[in-house]
Amino acid sequence: MSIKQQLLVIGRSHFARDGYEGASLAKIATEAGIKKPSIYAHFNSKADLFLQVLHRAARVQQHSLRRYMLKHHHQTLEDKLHGLLEHMQELYRSDDTIKFVMRMSFFPPQELEDEVMPLIYGMLDTMENQLVRLFEHNLHKENLNCSVSATQAARAYMTCADGILLEVLYGQEHRSIQRLDATWPIYWNGIIGKEQHLS
């Protein structure tokens, strides 16, 4: 692995843990076994390193979603969608790349917001489009009577995901699990038109 690749990997870990403001180029350089000024042979600035890390991480997240869908293609739509939320909870615990992307989606660095947000929105739009196609294909395949359009169902799903995953970002994993358990039956039964019996 080249020094530049090492810096991208180490930088991702530091940005995921400490955020943009908290990450230290000196500490990143030390972990890579180089002096801080040597970073500038590979990146113009801390912002340049951060943005390159984010671009790579966004691609990894998109590939991760596609791999999940391919691996679980045989499951019902309900199981795939519920499982994806559990999968994202697990990835936040175990994968620095996904942790980094999730944190930056909710808490982008203010000074880089103009560069970061178009990338984040592009990634979210890609995910939404994948979900729309998933709904369109599986609703027909499983003969499900959806009470809303595929686009509305996908957008509502992503809204639920935001609330569920935000608790993970705050370090409250048990609250994230509680939110998923409480939200899922209301969401799923709502979009396929089943009546809710709440106690």
C-alpha atoms as a PDB file:
ATOM      1  CA  MET A   1       0.000   0.000   0.000  1.00  0.00           C
ATOM      2  CA  SER A   2       1.359   3.400  -0.994  1.00  0.00           C
ATOM      3  CA  ILE A   3       1.790   6.237   1.505  1.00  0.00           C
ATOM      4  CA  LYS A   4      -1.147   8.067  -0.079  1.00  0.00           C
ATOM      5  CA  GLN A   5      -3.395   5.020   0.317  1.00  0.00           C
ATOM      6  CA  GLN A   6      -2.242   4.626   3.927  1.00  0.00           C
ATOM      7  CA  LEU A   7      -3.080   8.261   4.632  1.00  0.00           C
ATOM      8  CA  LEU A   8      -6.553   7.803   3.144  1.00  0.00           C
ATOM      9  CA  VAL A   9      -7.209   4.737   5.304  1.00  0.00           C
ATOM     10  CA  ILE A  10      -5.799   6.294   8.471  1.00  0.00           C
ATOM     11  CA  GLY A  11      -7.520   9.609   7.748  1.00  0.00           C
ATOM     12  CA  ARG A  12     -10.860   7.836   7.344  1.00  0.00           C
ATOM     13  CA  SER A  13     -10.477   6.274  10.791  1.00  0.00           C
ATOM     14  CA  HIS A  14      -9.540   9.580  12.427  1.00  0.00           C
ATOM     15  CA  PHE A  15     -12.307  11.559  10.693  1.00  0.00           C
ATOM     16  CA  ALA A  16     -14.856   8.873  11.595  1.00  0.00           C
ATOM     17  CA  ARG A  17     -13.838   8.976  15.245  1.00  0.00           C
ATOM     18  CA  ASP A  18     -13.014  12.659  15.770  1.00  0.00           C
ATOM     19  CA  GLY A  19     -14.877  14.475  12.993  1.00  0.00           C
ATOM     20  CA  TYR A  20     -13.219  16.961  10.645  1.00  0.00           C
ATOM     21  CA  GLU A  21     -12.447  19.585  13.268  1.00  0.00           C
ATOM     22  CA  GLY A  22     -11.137  17.099  15.827  1.00  0.00           C
ATOM     23  CA  ALA A  23      -8.912  15.074  13.517  1.00  0.00           C
ATOM     24  CA  SER A  24      -5.218  15.974  13.670  1.00  0.00           C
ATOM     25  CA  LEU A  25      -2.927  15.850  10.634  1.00  0.00           C
ATOM     26  CA  ALA A  26       0.022  15.416  12.984  1.00  0.00           C
ATOM     27  CA  LYS A  27      -1.537  12.290  14.517  1.00  0.00           C
ATOM     28  CA  ILE A  28      -2.493  10.943  11.089  1.00  0.00           C
ATOM     29  CA  ALA A  29       1.082  11.461   9.884  1.00  0.00           C
ATOM     30  CA  THR A  30       2.546   9.809  12.992  1.00  0.00           C
ATOM     31  CA  GLU A  31       0.345   6.746  12.526  1.00  0.00           C
ATOM     32  CA  ALA A  32       1.482   6.548   8.888  1.00  0.00           C
ATOM     33  CA  GLY A  33       5.121   6.743  10.008  1.00  0.00           C
ATOM     34  CA  ILE A  34       5.850  10.080   8.359  1.00  0.00           C
ATOM     35  CA  LYS A  35       6.270  13.707   9.399  1.00  0.00           C
ATOM     36  CA  LYS A  36       3.302  16.061   9.099  1.00  0.00           C
ATOM     37  CA  PRO A  37       4.846  18.171   6.265  1.00  0.00           C
ATOM     38  CA  SER A  38       5.145  14.992   4.170  1.00  0.00           C
ATOM     39  CA  ILE A  39       1.343  14.823   3.962  1.00  0.00           C
ATOM     40  CA  TYR A  40       1.455  17.836   1.646  1.00  0.00           C
ATOM     41  CA  ALA A  41       3.308  15.799  -0.970  1.00  0.00           C
ATOM     42  CA  HIS A  42       0.050  13.863  -1.394  1.00  0.00           C
ATOM     43  CA  PHE A  43      -2.728  16.269  -0.362  1.00  0.00           C
ATOM     44  CA  ASN A  44      -3.010  20.032  -0.674  1.00  0.00           C
ATOM     45  CA  SER A  45      -4.596  20.464   2.735  1.00  0.00           C
ATOM     46  CA  LYS A  46      -6.569  18.790   5.495  1.00  0.00           C
ATOM     47  CA  ALA A  47      -9.713  19.645   3.524  1.00  0.00           C
ATOM     48  CA  ASP A  48      -8.309  17.923   0.425  1.00  0.00           C
ATOM     49  CA  LEU A  49      -7.543  14.761   2.420  1.00  0.00           C
ATOM     50  CA  PHE A  50     -10.995  14.849   3.991  1.00  0.00           C
ATOM     51  CA  LEU A  51     -12.840  15.274   0.687  1.00  0.00           C
ATOM     52  CA  GLN A  52     -10.883  12.493  -1.000  1.00  0.00           C
ATOM     53  CA  VAL A  53     -11.646  10.211   1.947  1.00  0.00           C
ATOM     54  CA  LEU A  54     -15.327  11.129   1.719  1.00  0.00           C
ATOM     55  CA  HIS A  55     -15.531  10.460  -2.038  1.00  0.00           C
ATOM     56  CA  ARG A  56     -13.995   7.015  -1.563  1.00  0.00           C
ATOM     57  CA  ALA A  57     -16.196   6.253   1.438  1.00  0.00           C
ATOM     58  CA  ALA A  58     -19.380   7.235  -0.416  1.00  0.00           C
ATOM     59  CA  ARG A  59     -18.504   4.783  -3.201  1.00  0.00           C
ATOM     60  CA  VAL A  60     -17.879   2.048  -0.626  1.00  0.00           C
ATOM     61  CA  GLN A  61     -21.280   2.661   0.975  1.00  0.00           C
ATOM     62  CA  GLN A  62     -23.043   2.470  -2.379  1.00  0.00           C
ATOM     63  CA  HIS A  63     -21.258  -0.799  -3.195  1.00  0.00           C
ATOM     64  CA  SER A  64     -22.162  -2.126   0.252  1.00  0.00           C
ATOM     65  CA  LEU A  65     -25.859  -1.457  -0.404  1.00  0.00           C
ATOM     66  CA  ARG A  66     -25.705  -3.219  -3.768  1.00  0.00           C
ATOM     67  CA  ARG A  67     -23.911  -6.219  -2.220  1.00  0.00           C
ATOM     68  CA  TYR A  68     -26.549  -6.445   0.506  1.00  0.00           C
ATOM     69  CA  MET A  69     -29.380  -6.421  -2.039  1.00  0.00           C
ATOM     70  CA  LEU A  70     -27.702  -9.073  -4.184  1.00  0.00           C
ATOM     71  CA  LYS A  71     -26.997 -11.295  -1.191  1.00  0.00           C
ATOM     72  CA  HIS A  72     -30.609 -11.081   0.030  1.00  0.00           C
ATOM     73  CA  HIS A  73     -32.386 -11.057  -3.341  1.00  0.00           C
ATOM     74  CA  HIS A  74     -34.298 -14.243  -2.425  1.00  0.00           C
ATOM     75  CA  GLN A  75     -35.924 -12.663   0.642  1.00  0.00           C
ATOM     76  CA  THR A  76     -39.311 -10.978   0.753  1.00  0.00           C
ATOM     77  CA  LEU A  77     -39.406  -7.211   0.374  1.00  0.00           C
ATOM     78  CA  GLU A  78     -40.299  -6.796   4.050  1.00  0.00           C
ATOM     79  CA  ASP A  79     -37.387  -8.951   5.208  1.00  0.00           C
ATOM     80  CA  LYS A  80     -34.937  -7.207   2.859  1.00  0.00           C
ATOM     81  CA  LEU A  81     -35.919  -3.727   4.014  1.00  0.00           C
ATOM     82  CA  HIS A  82     -36.031  -4.543   7.727  1.00  0.00           C
ATOM     83  CA  GLY A  83     -32.758  -6.435   7.431  1.00  0.00           C
ATOM     84  CA  LEU A  84     -31.107  -3.483   5.680  1.00  0.00           C
ATOM     85  CA  LEU A  85     -31.764  -1.263   8.696  1.00  0.00           C
ATOM     86  CA  GLU A  86     -30.238  -3.899  11.000  1.00  0.00           C
ATOM     87  CA  HIS A  87     -27.349  -4.232   8.559  1.00  0.00           C
ATOM     88  CA  MET A  88     -26.682  -0.482   8.685  1.00  0.00           C
ATOM     89  CA  GLN A  89     -26.769  -0.535  12.498  1.00  0.00           C
ATOM     90  CA  GLU A  90     -24.169  -3.326  12.457  1.00  0.00           C
ATOM     91  CA  LEU A  91     -21.991  -1.589   9.852  1.00  0.00           C
ATOM     92  CA  TYR A  92     -21.807   1.524  12.020  1.00  0.00           C
ATOM     93  CA  ARG A  93     -20.387  -0.618  14.814  1.00  0.00           C
ATOM     94  CA  SER A  94     -17.929  -2.562  12.676  1.00  0.00           C
ATOM     95  CA  ASP A  95     -16.941  -0.494   9.629  1.00  0.00           C
ATOM     96  CA  ASP A  96     -15.051   2.819   9.860  1.00  0.00           C
ATOM     97  CA  THR A  97     -15.991   3.699   6.293  1.00  0.00           C
ATOM     98  CA  ILE A  98     -19.734   3.467   6.904  1.00  0.00           C
ATOM     99  CA  LYS A  99     -19.362   5.175  10.288  1.00  0.00           C
ATOM    100  CA  PHE A 100     -17.563   8.057   8.579  1.00  0.00           C
ATOM    101  CA  VAL A 101     -20.193   8.458   5.828  1.00  0.00           C
ATOM    102  CA  MET A 102     -23.071   8.326   8.307  1.00  0.00           C
ATOM    103  CA  ARG A 103     -21.481  10.917  10.576  1.00  0.00           C
ATOM    104  CA  MET A 104     -20.791  13.268   7.695  1.00  0.00           C
ATOM    105  CA  SER A 105     -24.354  12.820   6.376  1.00  0.00           C
ATOM    106  CA  PHE A 106     -25.754  14.161   9.643  1.00  0.00           C
ATOM    107  CA  PHE A 107     -22.897  16.384  10.815  1.00  0.00           C
ATOM    108  CA  PRO A 108     -20.933  17.791   7.845  1.00  0.00           C
ATOM    109  CA  PRO A 109     -18.084  20.171   8.711  1.00  0.00           C
ATOM    110  CA  GLN A 110     -19.452  23.692   8.459  1.00  0.00           C
ATOM    111  CA  GLU A 111     -16.497  25.105   6.553  1.00  0.00           C
ATOM    112  CA  LEU A 112     -16.776  22.371   3.886  1.00  0.00           C
ATOM    113  CA  GLU A 113     -20.566  22.238   3.669  1.00  0.00           C
ATOM    114  CA  ASP A 114     -20.664  23.537   0.073  1.00  0.00           C
ATOM    115  CA  GLU A 115     -18.355  20.705  -1.054  1.00  0.00           C
ATOM    116  CA  VAL A 116     -19.766  17.957   1.172  1.00  0.00           C
ATOM    117  CA  MET A 117     -23.530  18.334   0.794  1.00  0.00           C
ATOM    118  CA  PRO A 118     -23.755  17.832  -3.002  1.00  0.00           C
ATOM    119  CA  LEU A 119     -21.869  14.552  -2.530  1.00  0.00           C
ATOM    120  CA  ILE A 120     -24.123  13.481   0.344  1.00  0.00           C
ATOM    121  CA  TYR A 121     -27.309  14.390  -1.539  1.00  0.00           C
ATOM    122  CA  GLY A 122     -26.043  12.573  -4.612  1.00  0.00           C
ATOM    123  CA  MET A 123     -25.424   9.468  -2.510  1.00  0.00           C
ATOM    124  CA  LEU A 124     -28.881   9.731  -0.891  1.00  0.00           C
ATOM    125  CA  ASP A 125     -30.550  10.214  -4.285  1.00  0.00           C
ATOM    126  CA  THR A 126     -28.800   7.096  -5.585  1.00  0.00           C
ATOM    127  CA  MET A 127     -29.996   5.115  -2.565  1.00  0.00           C
ATOM    128  CA  GLU A 128     -33.544   6.427  -2.974  1.00  0.00           C
ATOM    129  CA  ASN A 129     -33.572   5.458  -6.660  1.00  0.00           C
ATOM    130  CA  GLN A 130     -32.356   1.948  -5.796  1.00  0.00           C
ATOM    131  CA  LEU A 131     -35.125   1.634  -3.218  1.00  0.00           C
ATOM    132  CA  VAL A 132     -37.766   2.851  -5.685  1.00  0.00           C
ATOM    133  CA  ARG A 133     -36.682   0.173  -8.172  1.00  0.00           C
ATOM    134  CA  LEU A 134     -36.698  -2.415  -5.380  1.00  0.00           C
ATOM    135  CA  PHE A 135     -40.264  -1.467  -4.414  1.00  0.00           C
ATOM    136  CA  GLU A 136     -41.483  -1.464  -8.014  1.00  0.00           C
ATOM    137  CA  HIS A 137     -40.007  -4.907  -8.691  1.00  0.00           C
ATOM    138  CA  ASN A 138     -40.962  -6.645  -5.443  1.00  0.00           C
ATOM    139  CA  LEU A 139     -44.441  -5.196  -4.999  1.00  0.00           C
ATOM    140  CA  HIS A 140     -45.382  -6.675  -8.363  1.00  0.00           C
ATOM    141  CA  LYS A 141     -43.477  -9.915  -7.783  1.00  0.00           C
ATOM    142  CA  GLU A 142     -45.065 -10.517  -4.360  1.00  0.00           C
ATOM    143  CA  ASN A 143     -48.476  -9.180  -5.411  1.00  0.00           C
ATOM    144  CA  LEU A 144     -48.494  -6.663  -2.559  1.00  0.00           C
ATOM    145  CA  ASN A 145     -51.118  -3.939  -2.486  1.00  0.00           C
ATOM    146  CA  CYS A 146     -49.135  -0.823  -1.596  1.00  0.00           C
ATOM    147  CA  SER A 147     -51.186   2.153  -0.402  1.00  0.00           C
ATOM    148  CA  VAL A 148     -48.618   4.690  -1.705  1.00  0.00           C
ATOM    149  CA  SER A 149     -46.357   5.031  -4.744  1.00  0.00           C
ATOM    150  CA  ALA A 150     -42.963   3.326  -4.836  1.00  0.00           C
ATOM    151  CA  THR A 151     -41.327   6.760  -4.574  1.00  0.00           C
ATOM    152  CA  GLN A 152     -43.359   7.690  -1.489  1.00  0.00           C
ATOM    153  CA  ALA A 153     -42.598   4.322   0.123  1.00  0.00           C
ATOM    154  CA  ALA A 154     -38.861   4.760  -0.520  1.00  0.00           C
ATOM    155  CA  ARG A 155     -38.808   8.304   0.861  1.00  0.00           C
ATOM    156  CA  ALA A 156     -40.756   7.283   3.964  1.00  0.00           C
ATOM    157  CA  TYR A 157     -38.310   4.404   4.458  1.00  0.00           C
ATOM    158  CA  MET A 158     -35.341   6.753   4.314  1.00  0.00           C
ATOM    159  CA  THR A 159     -37.032   9.077   6.802  1.00  0.00           C
ATOM    160  CA  CYS A 160     -37.483   6.157   9.209  1.00  0.00           C
ATOM    161  CA  ALA A 161     -33.855   5.171   8.655  1.00  0.00           C
ATOM    162  CA  ASP A 162     -32.703   8.691   9.577  1.00  0.00           C
ATOM    163  CA  GLY A 163     -34.441   8.547  12.961  1.00  0.00           C
ATOM    164  CA  ILE A 164     -33.271   5.021  13.694  1.00  0.00           C
ATOM    165  CA  LEU A 165     -29.630   5.582  12.721  1.00  0.00           C
ATOM    166  CA  LEU A 166     -29.338   8.969  14.410  1.00  0.00           C
ATOM    167  CA  GLU A 167     -29.454   7.210  17.781  1.00  0.00           C
ATOM    168  CA  VAL A 168     -26.485   5.072  16.735  1.00  0.00           C
ATOM    169  CA  LEU A 169     -24.548   8.242  15.891  1.00  0.00           C
ATOM    170  CA  TYR A 170     -25.284   9.579  19.375  1.00  0.00           C
ATOM    171  CA  GLY A 171     -23.892   6.356  20.844  1.00  0.00           C
ATOM    172  CA  GLN A 172     -27.295   5.104  21.986  1.00  0.00           C
ATOM    173  CA  GLU A 173     -27.409   1.730  20.256  1.00  0.00           C
ATOM    174  CA  HIS A 174     -30.170   0.358  22.507  1.00  0.00           C
ATOM    175  CA  ARG A 175     -32.356   3.362  21.641  1.00  0.00           C
ATOM    176  CA  SER A 176     -31.729   2.746  17.945  1.00  0.00           C
ATOM    177  CA  ILE A 177     -32.912  -0.844  18.351  1.00  0.00           C
ATOM    178  CA  GLN A 178     -35.980   0.338  20.279  1.00  0.00           C
ATOM    179  CA  ARG A 179     -36.820   2.822  17.523  1.00  0.00           C
ATOM    180  CA  LEU A 180     -36.515   0.142  14.851  1.00  0.00           C
ATOM    181  CA  ASP A 181     -38.720  -2.271  16.825  1.00  0.00           C
ATOM    182  CA  ALA A 182     -41.370   0.423  17.381  1.00  0.00           C
ATOM    183  CA  THR A 183     -41.285   2.000  13.931  1.00  0.00           C
ATOM    184  CA  TRP A 184     -41.076  -0.982  11.629  1.00  0.00           C
ATOM    185  CA  PRO A 185     -44.567  -2.507  12.043  1.00  0.00           C
ATOM    186  CA  ILE A 186     -46.177   0.940  11.757  1.00  0.00           C
ATOM    187  CA  TYR A 187     -44.200   1.732   8.608  1.00  0.00           C
ATOM    188  CA  TRP A 188     -44.667  -1.626   6.915  1.00  0.00           C
ATOM    189  CA  ASN A 189     -48.323  -2.130   7.743  1.00  0.00           C
ATOM    190  CA  GLY A 190     -48.967   1.486   6.800  1.00  0.00           C
ATOM    191  CA  ILE A 191     -47.575   1.242   3.280  1.00  0.00           C
ATOM    192  CA  ILE A 192     -49.283  -2.065   2.502  1.00  0.00           C
ATOM    193  CA  GLY A 193     -52.573  -0.865   3.930  1.00  0.00           C
ATOM    194  CA  LYS A 194     -52.957  -3.071   6.989  1.00  0.00           C
ATOM    195  CA  GLU A 195     -54.838  -1.691   9.967  1.00  0.00           C
ATOM    196  CA  GLN A 196     -52.846  -0.927  13.100  1.00  0.00           C
ATOM    197  CA  HIS A 197     -53.981  -2.108  16.513  1.00  0.00           C
ATOM    198  CA  LEU A 198     -51.960  -0.064  18.963  1.00  0.00           C
ATOM    199  CA  SER A 199     -52.116  -0.820  22.682  1.00  0.00           C
END
